[in-house]
C-alpha atoms as a PDB file:
ATOM      1  CA  UNK A   1       0.000   0.000   0.000  1.00  0.00           C
ATOM      2  CA  UNK A   2       1.485   3.424  -0.981  1.00  0.00           C
ATOM      3  CA  UNK A   3       2.479   5.825   1.778  1.00  0.00           C
ATOM      4  CA  UNK A   4       1.269   9.428   1.497  1.00  0.00           C
ATOM      5  CA  UNK A   5       4.218  11.791   1.280  1.00  0.00           C
ATOM      6  CA  UNK A   6       4.020  15.495   1.993  1.00  0.00           C
ATOM      7  CA  UNK A   7       5.010  17.424  -1.186  1.00  0.00           C
ATOM      8  CA  UNK A   8       8.479  18.957  -0.820  1.00  0.00           C
ATOM      9  CA  UNK A   9       7.223  22.418  -1.859  1.00  0.00           C
ATOM     10  CA  UNK A  10       5.005  22.721   1.214  1.00  0.00           C
ATOM     11  CA  UNK A  11       8.113  22.921   3.387  1.00  0.00           C
ATOM     12  CA  UNK A  12       9.171  26.014   1.452  1.00  0.00           C
ATOM     13  CA  UNK A  13       5.907  27.940   1.867  1.00  0.00           C
ATOM     14  CA  UNK A  14       5.792  31.010   4.072  1.00  0.00           C
ATOM     15  CA  UNK A  15       3.141  33.628   4.764  1.00  0.00           C
ATOM     16  CA  UNK A  16       3.074  36.607   2.433  1.00  0.00           C
ATOM     17  CA  UNK A  17       4.875  39.661   3.818  1.00  0.00           C
ATOM     18  CA  UNK A  18       2.806  42.625   4.923  1.00  0.00           C
ATOM     19  CA  UNK A  19       1.244  44.389   1.995  1.00  0.00           C
ATOM     20  CA  UNK A  20       0.958  48.105   1.333  1.00  0.00           C
ATOM     21  CA  UNK A  21      -2.467  49.737   1.503  1.00  0.00           C
ATOM     22  CA  UNK A  22      -2.994  52.133  -1.391  1.00  0.00           C
ATOM     23  CA  UNK A  23      -5.484  55.004  -1.058  1.00  0.00           C
ATOM     24  CA  UNK A  24      -7.277  54.122  -4.301  1.00  0.00           C
ATOM     25  CA  UNK A  25      -9.695  51.376  -5.290  1.00  0.00           C
ATOM     26  CA  UNK A  26      -9.601  51.668  -9.076  1.00  0.00           C
ATOM     27  CA  UNK A  27      -7.794  53.450 -11.897  1.00  0.00           C
ATOM     28  CA  UNK A  28      -8.770  54.825 -15.289  1.00  0.00           C
ATOM     29  CA  UNK A  29      -6.518  55.829 -18.173  1.00  0.00           C
ATOM     30  CA  UNK A  30      -7.445  58.962 -20.103  1.00  0.00           C
ATOM     31  CA  UNK A  31      -7.197  58.022 -23.790  1.00  0.00           C
ATOM     32  CA  UNK A  32      -6.297  61.561 -24.867  1.00  0.00           C
ATOM     33  CA  UNK A  33      -3.606  62.420 -22.311  1.00  0.00           C
ATOM     34  CA  UNK A  34      -2.459  58.852 -21.566  1.00  0.00           C
ATOM     35  CA  UNK A  35      -2.455  59.655 -17.841  1.00  0.00           C
ATOM     36  CA  UNK A  36      -3.934  57.623 -15.035  1.00  0.00           C
ATOM     37  CA  UNK A  37      -6.659  58.870 -12.706  1.00  0.00           C
ATOM     38  CA  UNK A  38      -7.096  57.221  -9.312  1.00  0.00           C
ATOM     39  CA  UNK A  39     -10.453  56.827  -7.543  1.00  0.00           C
ATOM     40  CA  UNK A  40     -11.430  55.717  -4.035  1.00  0.00           C
ATOM     41  CA  UNK A  41     -14.246  53.308  -3.191  1.00  0.00           C
ATOM     42  CA  UNK A  42     -16.775  56.187  -3.264  1.00  0.00           C
ATOM     43  CA  UNK A  43     -15.748  57.115  -6.808  1.00  0.00           C
ATOM     44  CA  UNK A  44     -13.969  60.306  -5.726  1.00  0.00           C
ATOM     45  CA  UNK A  45     -10.721  61.212  -7.477  1.00  0.00           C
ATOM     46  CA  UNK A  46      -7.649  60.647  -5.276  1.00  0.00           C
ATOM     47  CA  UNK A  47      -4.591  62.891  -5.624  1.00  0.00           C
ATOM     48  CA  UNK A  48      -1.569  60.658  -6.113  1.00  0.00           C
ATOM     49  CA  UNK A  49       0.808  63.528  -6.932  1.00  0.00           C
ATOM     50  CA  UNK A  50       2.727  63.487  -3.682  1.00  0.00           C
ATOM     51  CA  UNK A  51       4.641  66.655  -4.520  1.00  0.00           C
ATOM     52  CA  UNK A  52       6.076  65.599  -7.846  1.00  0.00           C
ATOM     53  CA  UNK A  53       8.263  68.127  -9.536  1.00  0.00           C
ATOM     54  CA  UNK A  54      11.486  68.331 -11.399  1.00  0.00           C
ATOM     55  CA  UNK A  55      14.286  66.020 -10.397  1.00  0.00           C
ATOM     56  CA  UNK A  56      18.008  66.420 -10.135  1.00  0.00           C
ATOM     57  CA  UNK A  57      20.126  63.539 -11.365  1.00  0.00           C
ATOM     58  CA  UNK A  58      22.628  62.173  -8.859  1.00  0.00           C
ATOM     59  CA  UNK A  59      24.186  59.431 -10.980  1.00  0.00           C
ATOM     60  CA  UNK A  60      27.915  59.015 -11.389  1.00  0.00           C
ATOM     61  CA  UNK A  61      28.497  57.399 -14.779  1.00  0.00           C
ATOM     62  CA  UNK A  62      31.193  54.813 -15.279  1.00  0.00           C
ATOM     63  CA  UNK A  63      32.395  53.595 -18.630  1.00  0.00           C
ATOM     64  CA  UNK A  64      34.032  50.612 -20.262  1.00  0.00           C
ATOM     65  CA  UNK A  65      36.033  50.097 -23.401  1.00  0.00           C
ATOM     66  CA  UNK A  66      38.328  53.128 -23.388  1.00  0.00           C
ATOM     67  CA  UNK A  67      41.892  52.459 -22.276  1.00  0.00           C
ATOM     68  CA  UNK A  68      43.087  56.037 -22.680  1.00  0.00           C
ATOM     69  CA  UNK A  69      46.484  54.940 -23.989  1.00  0.00           C
ATOM     70  CA  UNK A  70      48.328  55.974 -27.142  1.00  0.00           C
ATOM     71  CA  UNK A  71      48.355  59.191 -29.131  1.00  0.00           C
ATOM     72  CA  UNK A  72      44.826  58.753 -30.488  1.00  0.00           C
ATOM     73  CA  UNK A  73      41.855  59.612 -28.280  1.00  0.00           C
ATOM     74  CA  UNK A  74      39.990  56.537 -27.113  1.00  0.00           C
ATOM     75  CA  UNK A  75      36.830  55.402 -28.847  1.00  0.00           C
ATOM     76  CA  UNK A  76      33.553  56.345 -27.186  1.00  0.00           C
ATOM     77  CA  UNK A  77      32.858  54.038 -24.295  1.00  0.00           C
ATOM     78  CA  UNK A  78      29.713  52.243 -23.261  1.00  0.00           C
ATOM     79  CA  UNK A  79      27.995  53.856 -20.312  1.00  0.00           C
ATOM     80  CA  UNK A  80      26.310  51.945 -17.520  1.00  0.00           C
ATOM     81  CA  UNK A  81      25.024  54.997 -15.668  1.00  0.00           C
ATOM     82  CA  UNK A  82      21.851  54.366 -13.754  1.00  0.00           C
ATOM     83  CA  UNK A  83      19.606  57.345 -13.242  1.00  0.00           C
ATOM     84  CA  UNK A  84      18.656  57.911  -9.646  1.00  0.00           C
ATOM     85  CA  UNK A  85      16.799  61.088  -8.833  1.00  0.00           C
ATOM     86  CA  UNK A  86      16.373  63.279  -5.821  1.00  0.00           C
ATOM     87  CA  UNK A  87      13.329  65.575  -5.725  1.00  0.00           C
ATOM     88  CA  UNK A  88      14.145  69.283  -5.760  1.00  0.00           C
END
């Protein structure tokens, strides 16, 4: 008679981490402006702006491929700069 074995994946299960509560219940995309509007459960528009404005880049680019040696200037290098922004 076969013996029931607990599936190995059940030992790896864990509860989901705490989730974030968002202040909106649904979204709509405006076809003309291609922007999203957020609405609460009562159908009222929710402001999701949060003080958006212009950003200032704080990235420090690094490059690869240019050795800088010789009398000729090096070829343009590939950049791997990641943009990270700090609000003004």
